[in-house]
Amino acid sequence: MRQVVLDTETTGLETSQGHRIIEIGGVELVDRRYTGRQLHKYINPEREIDDGAFEVHGISSEFLADKPKFAEIAGEVLEFLEGAELIIHNAPFDVAFLDYELSRLSGGPRRISQICQVTDSLALARHKHPGQKNSLDALCRRYEVDNSARTLHGALLDAEILADVYLLMTGGQTALFAGEGDDRGSASEDEKMIRIDTERAALRILEASPEETAAHEAWLDLLDQEAADGSVWRRRSA
């Protein structure tokens, strides 16, 4: 199972106003393990960056002036993404921009869905945590993922953080990007298993008091009156 956790930064919010991608970052997972492969590109958008967008990511037009245009790196991007399941937070936003960039190219796929399956991690988070904040920062706090380096949005850093959050949120491997110098994605055997100490003392057994037993029986009496088939606990003990 090959997945690419992806993020983009843009000149603004609306493709209908001609806004473009200026940074794309992605990390590859195979069987829910980090492979070490990643994609990171800065892109010359051939237009100015909105002030509001600059405040979010801090990437200036001057910095991007000598960077390649999307058409120049499109082949490398598509090769990295092809056949993968894309994991994107608020996927409709990023996919709209990817589709817009593809629509400007001659030949090749016109929509990202032609080469990838897309999973929206924001939709997953809202399903798992309804009524709660589910921004990437909120999920980092909830799952105790270190995002202290995220003073500004950055595509590659956000993709790495999202990979950690996604694996934790979907019940998988933890601490994917734990620290510098580690073998990313390879947990020690001690981290992979829950160990039971066979030498530990026997667990103490606490018996219910007469008062607790009487209260329990009274509750079962009430269930016998309310349920057509009576209390399930009494049926099991019969």
C-alpha atoms as a PDB file:
ATOM      1  CA  MET A   1       0.000   0.000   0.000  1.00  0.00           C
ATOM      2  CA  ARG A   2       1.652   3.208  -1.215  1.00  0.00           C
ATOM      3  CA  GLN A   3       0.532   6.546   0.191  1.00  0.00           C
ATOM      4  CA  VAL A   4       1.811  10.079  -0.297  1.00  0.00           C
ATOM      5  CA  VAL A   5       1.045  12.636   2.407  1.00  0.00           C
ATOM      6  CA  LEU A   6       0.883  15.945   0.557  1.00  0.00           C
ATOM      7  CA  ASP A   7       0.570  19.670   1.154  1.00  0.00           C
ATOM      8  CA  THR A   8       0.764  22.777  -1.023  1.00  0.00           C
ATOM      9  CA  GLU A   9       1.199  26.509  -0.508  1.00  0.00           C
ATOM     10  CA  THR A  10      -0.366  28.984  -2.920  1.00  0.00           C
ATOM     11  CA  THR A  11      -0.447  32.639  -3.961  1.00  0.00           C
ATOM     12  CA  GLY A  12      -4.022  32.972  -2.697  1.00  0.00           C
ATOM     13  CA  LEU A  13      -7.275  31.165  -2.073  1.00  0.00           C
ATOM     14  CA  GLU A  14      -9.103  31.009  -5.401  1.00  0.00           C
ATOM     15  CA  THR A  15      -8.086  29.319  -8.643  1.00  0.00           C
ATOM     16  CA  SER A  16     -10.909  31.292 -10.283  1.00  0.00           C
ATOM     17  CA  GLN A  17      -8.787  34.391  -9.677  1.00  0.00           C
ATOM     18  CA  GLY A  18      -5.750  32.780 -11.264  1.00  0.00           C
ATOM     19  CA  HIS A  19      -3.958  31.874  -8.062  1.00  0.00           C
ATOM     20  CA  ARG A  20      -1.190  29.308  -8.385  1.00  0.00           C
ATOM     21  CA  ILE A  21       0.819  26.754  -6.402  1.00  0.00           C
ATOM     22  CA  ILE A  22       4.158  28.073  -5.126  1.00  0.00           C
ATOM     23  CA  GLU A  23       5.307  25.114  -3.002  1.00  0.00           C
ATOM     24  CA  ILE A  24       4.518  21.426  -2.980  1.00  0.00           C
ATOM     25  CA  GLY A  25       5.743  18.902  -0.421  1.00  0.00           C
ATOM     26  CA  GLY A  26       5.065  15.225   0.018  1.00  0.00           C
ATOM     27  CA  VAL A  27       6.388  12.218   1.907  1.00  0.00           C
ATOM     28  CA  GLU A  28       5.997   8.604   0.828  1.00  0.00           C
ATOM     29  CA  LEU A  29       4.616   5.822   3.016  1.00  0.00           C
ATOM     30  CA  VAL A  30       4.601   2.184   1.980  1.00  0.00           C
ATOM     31  CA  ASP A  31       2.609  -0.168   4.200  1.00  0.00           C
ATOM     32  CA  ARG A  32       2.307   2.744   6.660  1.00  0.00           C
ATOM     33  CA  ARG A  33       6.075   3.147   6.942  1.00  0.00           C
ATOM     34  CA  TYR A  34       8.152   6.135   5.915  1.00  0.00           C
ATOM     35  CA  THR A  35      10.400   5.141   3.012  1.00  0.00           C
ATOM     36  CA  GLY A  36      12.714   8.148   2.999  1.00  0.00           C
ATOM     37  CA  ARG A  37      11.427   9.335  -0.383  1.00  0.00           C
ATOM     38  CA  GLN A  38      10.020  12.818  -0.470  1.00  0.00           C
ATOM     39  CA  LEU A  39       9.011  15.499  -2.937  1.00  0.00           C
ATOM     40  CA  HIS A  40       9.734  19.168  -2.294  1.00  0.00           C
ATOM     41  CA  LYS A  41       9.543  21.915  -4.889  1.00  0.00           C
ATOM     42  CA  TYR A  42       9.307  25.686  -4.849  1.00  0.00           C
ATOM     43  CA  ILE A  43       7.563  27.010  -7.954  1.00  0.00           C
ATOM     44  CA  ASN A  44       7.569  30.351  -9.738  1.00  0.00           C
ATOM     45  CA  PRO A  45       3.852  31.193 -10.016  1.00  0.00           C
ATOM     46  CA  GLU A  46       4.320  33.886 -12.667  1.00  0.00           C
ATOM     47  CA  ARG A  47       2.151  36.272 -10.643  1.00  0.00           C
ATOM     48  CA  GLU A  48       2.143  38.228  -7.398  1.00  0.00           C
ATOM     49  CA  ILE A  49       1.367  36.682  -4.012  1.00  0.00           C
ATOM     50  CA  ASP A  50      -1.563  38.009  -1.985  1.00  0.00           C
ATOM     51  CA  ASP A  51      -0.601  39.737   1.260  1.00  0.00           C
ATOM     52  CA  GLY A  52      -2.847  37.389   3.243  1.00  0.00           C
ATOM     53  CA  ALA A  53      -1.187  34.306   1.748  1.00  0.00           C
ATOM     54  CA  PHE A  54       2.283  35.729   2.443  1.00  0.00           C
ATOM     55  CA  GLU A  55       1.362  36.161   6.105  1.00  0.00           C
ATOM     56  CA  VAL A  56       0.509  32.444   6.261  1.00  0.00           C
ATOM     57  CA  HIS A  57       3.591  30.958   4.568  1.00  0.00           C
ATOM     58  CA  GLY A  58       6.146  33.795   4.388  1.00  0.00           C
ATOM     59  CA  ILE A  59       7.222  32.915   0.831  1.00  0.00           C
ATOM     60  CA  SER A  60       7.937  36.032  -1.236  1.00  0.00           C
ATOM     61  CA  SER A  61       7.800  36.673  -4.972  1.00  0.00           C
ATOM     62  CA  GLU A  62      11.490  37.631  -4.826  1.00  0.00           C
ATOM     63  CA  PHE A  63      12.401  34.228  -3.382  1.00  0.00           C
ATOM     64  CA  LEU A  64      10.442  32.449  -6.118  1.00  0.00           C
ATOM     65  CA  ALA A  65      11.754  34.525  -9.021  1.00  0.00           C
ATOM     66  CA  ASP A  66      14.479  32.035 -10.018  1.00  0.00           C
ATOM     67  CA  LYS A  67      12.462  28.879  -9.226  1.00  0.00           C
ATOM     68  CA  PRO A  68      11.110  26.609 -11.994  1.00  0.00           C
ATOM     69  CA  LYS A  69       7.615  27.057 -13.370  1.00  0.00           C
ATOM     70  CA  PHE A  70       5.077  24.300 -12.720  1.00  0.00           C
ATOM     71  CA  ALA A  71       5.283  23.039 -16.311  1.00  0.00           C
ATOM     72  CA  GLU A  72       9.010  22.425 -15.815  1.00  0.00           C
ATOM     73  CA  ILE A  73       8.562  20.175 -12.783  1.00  0.00           C
ATOM     74  CA  ALA A  74       5.142  18.682 -13.632  1.00  0.00           C
ATOM     75  CA  GLY A  75       6.616  15.411 -14.905  1.00  0.00           C
ATOM     76  CA  GLU A  76       8.568  14.834 -11.684  1.00  0.00           C
ATOM     77  CA  VAL A  77       5.524  15.678  -9.572  1.00  0.00           C
ATOM     78  CA  LEU A  78       3.210  13.354 -11.509  1.00  0.00           C
ATOM     79  CA  GLU A  79       5.742  10.506 -11.407  1.00  0.00           C
ATOM     80  CA  PHE A  80       5.956  10.807  -7.615  1.00  0.00           C
ATOM     81  CA  LEU A  81       2.187  10.906  -7.162  1.00  0.00           C
ATOM     82  CA  GLU A  82       1.064   8.371  -9.754  1.00  0.00           C
ATOM     83  CA  GLY A  83      -0.729   5.335  -8.346  1.00  0.00           C
ATOM     84  CA  ALA A  84      -0.540   6.506  -4.737  1.00  0.00           C
ATOM     85  CA  GLU A  85      -3.293   7.253  -2.278  1.00  0.00           C
ATOM     86  CA  LEU A  86      -2.903  10.947  -1.524  1.00  0.00           C
ATOM     87  CA  ILE A  87      -3.476  11.971   2.088  1.00  0.00           C
ATOM     88  CA  ILE A  88      -4.267  15.696   2.182  1.00  0.00           C
ATOM     89  CA  HIS A  89      -5.724  17.860   4.966  1.00  0.00           C
ATOM     90  CA  ASN A  90      -8.675  19.748   3.483  1.00  0.00           C
ATOM     91  CA  ALA A  91      -8.105  17.911   0.217  1.00  0.00           C
ATOM     92  CA  PRO A  92     -10.629  19.845  -1.941  1.00  0.00           C
ATOM     93  CA  PHE A  93      -8.477  22.979  -1.634  1.00  0.00           C
ATOM     94  CA  ASP A  94      -5.174  21.380  -2.677  1.00  0.00           C
ATOM     95  CA  VAL A  95      -6.785  19.169  -5.316  1.00  0.00           C
ATOM     96  CA  ALA A  96      -8.457  22.195  -6.908  1.00  0.00           C
ATOM     97  CA  PHE A  97      -5.062  23.863  -7.272  1.00  0.00           C
ATOM     98  CA  LEU A  98      -3.403  20.701  -8.587  1.00  0.00           C
ATOM     99  CA  ASP A  99      -6.204  20.299 -11.128  1.00  0.00           C
ATOM    100  CA  TYR A 100      -5.841  23.939 -12.142  1.00  0.00           C
ATOM    101  CA  GLU A 101      -2.116  23.510 -12.737  1.00  0.00           C
ATOM    102  CA  LEU A 102      -2.706  20.324 -14.743  1.00  0.00           C
ATOM    103  CA  SER A 103      -5.374  22.052 -16.841  1.00  0.00           C
ATOM    104  CA  ARG A 104      -2.775  24.575 -17.977  1.00  0.00           C
ATOM    105  CA  LEU A 105      -0.482  21.869 -19.379  1.00  0.00           C
ATOM    106  CA  SER A 106      -0.644  20.472 -22.861  1.00  0.00           C
ATOM    107  CA  GLY A 107      -1.239  16.721 -22.865  1.00  0.00           C
ATOM    108  CA  GLY A 108      -1.188  14.378 -19.895  1.00  0.00           C
ATOM    109  CA  PRO A 109      -3.814  14.038 -17.166  1.00  0.00           C
ATOM    110  CA  ARG A 110      -6.141  16.981 -16.614  1.00  0.00           C
ATOM    111  CA  ARG A 111      -7.256  16.014 -13.110  1.00  0.00           C
ATOM    112  CA  ILE A 112      -5.342  14.531 -10.194  1.00  0.00           C
ATOM    113  CA  SER A 113      -8.074  11.884  -9.751  1.00  0.00           C
ATOM    114  CA  GLN A 114      -6.955  10.352 -13.053  1.00  0.00           C
ATOM    115  CA  ILE A 115      -3.706   9.167 -11.466  1.00  0.00           C
ATOM    116  CA  CYS A 116      -4.424   9.036  -7.711  1.00  0.00           C
ATOM    117  CA  GLN A 117      -6.951   8.162  -5.080  1.00  0.00           C
ATOM    118  CA  VAL A 118      -7.441  11.076  -2.676  1.00  0.00           C
ATOM    119  CA  THR A 119      -8.236  10.814   1.045  1.00  0.00           C
ATOM    120  CA  ASP A 120      -9.172  13.944   2.975  1.00  0.00           C
ATOM    121  CA  SER A 121      -7.682  13.683   6.472  1.00  0.00           C
ATOM    122  CA  LEU A 122      -9.823  16.638   7.583  1.00  0.00           C
ATOM    123  CA  ALA A 123     -12.990  14.694   6.709  1.00  0.00           C
ATOM    124  CA  LEU A 124     -11.599  11.691   8.611  1.00  0.00           C
ATOM    125  CA  ALA A 125     -10.866  13.878  11.631  1.00  0.00           C
ATOM    126  CA  ARG A 126     -14.340  15.417  11.591  1.00  0.00           C
ATOM    127  CA  HIS A 127     -15.874  11.943  11.493  1.00  0.00           C
ATOM    128  CA  LYS A 128     -13.665  10.732  14.335  1.00  0.00           C
ATOM    129  CA  HIS A 129     -13.940  13.904  16.446  1.00  0.00           C
ATOM    130  CA  PRO A 130     -17.312  15.515  15.628  1.00  0.00           C
ATOM    131  CA  GLY A 131     -17.914  18.964  17.048  1.00  0.00           C
ATOM    132  CA  GLN A 132     -14.244  19.519  17.864  1.00  0.00           C
ATOM    133  CA  LYS A 133     -11.518  21.609  16.254  1.00  0.00           C
ATOM    134  CA  ASN A 134      -9.787  19.552  13.589  1.00  0.00           C
ATOM    135  CA  SER A 135      -7.182  21.890  12.138  1.00  0.00           C
ATOM    136  CA  LEU A 136      -3.714  20.399  11.806  1.00  0.00           C
ATOM    137  CA  ASP A 137      -2.539  22.316  14.870  1.00  0.00           C
ATOM    138  CA  ALA A 138      -5.554  21.117  16.888  1.00  0.00           C
ATOM    139  CA  LEU A 139      -4.876  17.518  15.879  1.00  0.00           C
ATOM    140  CA  CYS A 140      -1.222  17.897  16.844  1.00  0.00           C
ATOM    141  CA  ARG A 141      -2.320  18.920  20.333  1.00  0.00           C
ATOM    142  CA  ARG A 142      -4.838  16.075  20.519  1.00  0.00           C
ATOM    143  CA  TYR A 143      -2.367  13.398  19.412  1.00  0.00           C
ATOM    144  CA  GLU A 144       0.679  14.986  21.080  1.00  0.00           C
ATOM    145  CA  VAL A 145       2.574  15.491  17.822  1.00  0.00           C
ATOM    146  CA  ASP A 146       5.403  18.028  18.061  1.00  0.00           C
ATOM    147  CA  ASN A 147       4.661  20.961  15.765  1.00  0.00           C
ATOM    148  CA  SER A 148       6.904  23.493  17.514  1.00  0.00           C
ATOM    149  CA  ALA A 149       8.808  24.136  14.267  1.00  0.00           C
ATOM    150  CA  ARG A 150       5.580  25.210  12.538  1.00  0.00           C
ATOM    151  CA  THR A 151       5.837  28.964  13.051  1.00  0.00           C
ATOM    152  CA  LEU A 152       4.721  29.441   9.422  1.00  0.00           C
ATOM    153  CA  HIS A 153       3.025  27.037   7.046  1.00  0.00           C
ATOM    154  CA  GLY A 154       5.456  25.098   4.870  1.00  0.00           C
ATOM    155  CA  ALA A 155       4.448  22.330   2.473  1.00  0.00           C
ATOM    156  CA  LEU A 156       7.082  19.742   3.348  1.00  0.00           C
ATOM    157  CA  LEU A 157       7.012  20.347   7.104  1.00  0.00           C
ATOM    158  CA  ASP A 158       3.209  20.245   7.120  1.00  0.00           C
ATOM    159  CA  ALA A 159       3.248  17.008   5.116  1.00  0.00           C
ATOM    160  CA  GLU A 160       5.619  15.426   7.650  1.00  0.00           C
ATOM    161  CA  ILE A 161       3.485  16.573  10.580  1.00  0.00           C
ATOM    162  CA  LEU A 162       0.306  15.391   8.872  1.00  0.00           C
ATOM    163  CA  ALA A 163       1.881  11.975   8.263  1.00  0.00           C
ATOM    164  CA  ASP A 164       2.440  11.600  12.008  1.00  0.00           C
ATOM    165  CA  VAL A 165      -1.077  12.769  12.798  1.00  0.00           C
ATOM    166  CA  TYR A 166      -2.688  10.565  10.142  1.00  0.00           C
ATOM    167  CA  LEU A 167      -0.969   7.385  11.361  1.00  0.00           C
ATOM    168  CA  LEU A 168      -1.941   8.110  14.951  1.00  0.00           C
ATOM    169  CA  MET A 169      -5.506   9.042  14.006  1.00  0.00           C
ATOM    170  CA  THR A 170      -5.964   5.853  11.997  1.00  0.00           C
ATOM    171  CA  GLY A 171      -4.494   3.631  14.691  1.00  0.00           C
ATOM    172  CA  GLY A 172      -1.088   3.000  13.185  1.00  0.00           C
ATOM    173  CA  GLN A 173       2.557   3.514  13.945  1.00  0.00           C
ATOM    174  CA  THR A 174       3.467   6.460  16.165  1.00  0.00           C
ATOM    175  CA  ALA A 175       6.340   8.967  16.421  1.00  0.00           C
ATOM    176  CA  LEU A 176       7.107   8.799  12.722  1.00  0.00           C
ATOM    177  CA  PHE A 177       9.245  11.930  12.669  1.00  0.00           C
ATOM    178  CA  ALA A 178      10.387  11.812  16.262  1.00  0.00           C
ATOM    179  CA  GLY A 179      13.793  13.444  16.041  1.00  0.00           C
ATOM    180  CA  GLU A 180      16.967  14.130  14.138  1.00  0.00           C
ATOM    181  CA  GLY A 181      19.217  11.270  13.261  1.00  0.00           C
ATOM    182  CA  ASP A 182      16.738   8.485  13.828  1.00  0.00           C
ATOM    183  CA  ASP A 183      15.930   5.859  11.261  1.00  0.00           C
ATOM    184  CA  ARG A 184      12.600   7.402  10.292  1.00  0.00           C
ATOM    185  CA  GLY A 185       9.697   5.065  10.338  1.00  0.00           C
ATOM    186  CA  SER A 186      11.462   2.160  12.047  1.00  0.00           C
ATOM    187  CA  ALA A 187      10.391   1.771  15.642  1.00  0.00           C
ATOM    188  CA  SER A 188      12.355  -0.426  18.028  1.00  0.00           C
ATOM    189  CA  GLU A 189      10.945  -3.797  18.964  1.00  0.00           C
ATOM    190  CA  ASP A 190      10.171  -2.451  22.444  1.00  0.00           C
ATOM    191  CA  GLU A 191       8.059   0.294  20.848  1.00  0.00           C
ATOM    192  CA  LYS A 192       6.197  -2.134  18.594  1.00  0.00           C
ATOM    193  CA  MET A 193       4.839  -4.438  21.282  1.00  0.00           C
ATOM    194  CA  ILE A 194       3.192  -4.224  24.661  1.00  0.00           C
ATOM    195  CA  ARG A 195       5.290  -6.255  27.067  1.00  0.00           C
ATOM    196  CA  ILE A 196       3.810  -8.102  30.055  1.00  0.00           C
ATOM    197  CA  ASP A 197       6.000  -8.638  33.097  1.00  0.00           C
ATOM    198  CA  THR A 198       5.516 -12.290  34.002  1.00  0.00           C
ATOM    199  CA  GLU A 199       7.288 -11.724  37.324  1.00  0.00           C
ATOM    200  CA  ARG A 200       4.841  -9.132  38.579  1.00  0.00           C
ATOM    201  CA  ALA A 201       2.705  -9.802  41.658  1.00  0.00           C
ATOM    202  CA  ALA A 202      -0.767 -11.247  41.144  1.00  0.00           C
ATOM    203  CA  LEU A 203      -3.473  -8.650  40.765  1.00  0.00           C
ATOM    204  CA  ARG A 204      -5.524  -8.071  43.873  1.00  0.00           C
ATOM    205  CA  ILE A 205      -9.172  -9.213  43.601  1.00  0.00           C
ATOM    206  CA  LEU A 206     -11.700  -6.841  45.136  1.00  0.00           C
ATOM    207  CA  GLU A 207     -15.023  -8.386  46.133  1.00  0.00           C
ATOM    208  CA  ALA A 208     -18.244  -6.359  46.000  1.00  0.00           C
ATOM    209  CA  SER A 209     -19.572  -5.265  49.383  1.00  0.00           C
ATOM    210  CA  PRO A 210     -23.048  -6.424  50.539  1.00  0.00           C
ATOM    211  CA  GLU A 211     -24.343  -2.900  49.854  1.00  0.00           C
ATOM    212  CA  GLU A 212     -22.932  -2.916  46.303  1.00  0.00           C
ATOM    213  CA  THR A 213     -24.382  -6.390  45.663  1.00  0.00           C
ATOM    214  CA  ALA A 214     -27.814  -5.275  46.876  1.00  0.00           C
ATOM    215  CA  ALA A 215     -27.689  -2.171  44.661  1.00  0.00           C
ATOM    216  CA  HIS A 216     -26.747  -4.325  41.694  1.00  0.00           C
ATOM    217  CA  GLU A 217     -29.642  -6.721  42.305  1.00  0.00           C
ATOM    218  CA  ALA A 218     -32.053  -3.800  42.613  1.00  0.00           C
ATOM    219  CA  TRP A 219     -30.861  -2.497  39.250  1.00  0.00           C
ATOM    220  CA  LEU A 220     -31.386  -5.935  37.685  1.00  0.00           C
ATOM    221  CA  ASP A 221     -34.908  -6.028  39.162  1.00  0.00           C
ATOM    222  CA  LEU A 222     -35.608  -2.733  37.399  1.00  0.00           C
ATOM    223  CA  LEU A 223     -34.266  -4.116  34.121  1.00  0.00           C
ATOM    224  CA  ASP A 224     -36.467  -7.190  34.496  1.00  0.00           C
ATOM    225  CA  GLN A 225     -39.496  -4.899  34.715  1.00  0.00           C
ATOM    226  CA  GLU A 226     -38.521  -2.642  31.788  1.00  0.00           C
ATOM    227  CA  ALA A 227     -37.055  -5.149  29.294  1.00  0.00           C
ATOM    228  CA  ALA A 228     -39.328  -7.609  27.505  1.00  0.00           C
ATOM    229  CA  ASP A 229     -36.764 -10.384  27.809  1.00  0.00           C
ATOM    230  CA  GLY A 230     -35.572  -9.416  31.251  1.00  0.00           C
ATOM    231  CA  SER A 231     -32.052  -8.587  32.324  1.00  0.00           C
ATOM    232  CA  VAL A 232     -29.393 -10.002  29.998  1.00  0.00           C
ATOM    233  CA  TRP A 233     -27.101 -10.605  32.979  1.00  0.00           C
ATOM    234  CA  ARG A 234     -29.646 -12.859  34.655  1.00  0.00           C
ATOM    235  CA  ARG A 235     -30.251 -14.729  31.402  1.00  0.00           C
ATOM    236  CA  ARG A 236     -26.530 -15.356  31.059  1.00  0.00           C
ATOM    237  CA  SER A 237     -26.287 -16.690  34.647  1.00  0.00           C
ATOM    238  CA  ALA A 238     -29.389 -18.869  34.329  1.00  0.00           C
END
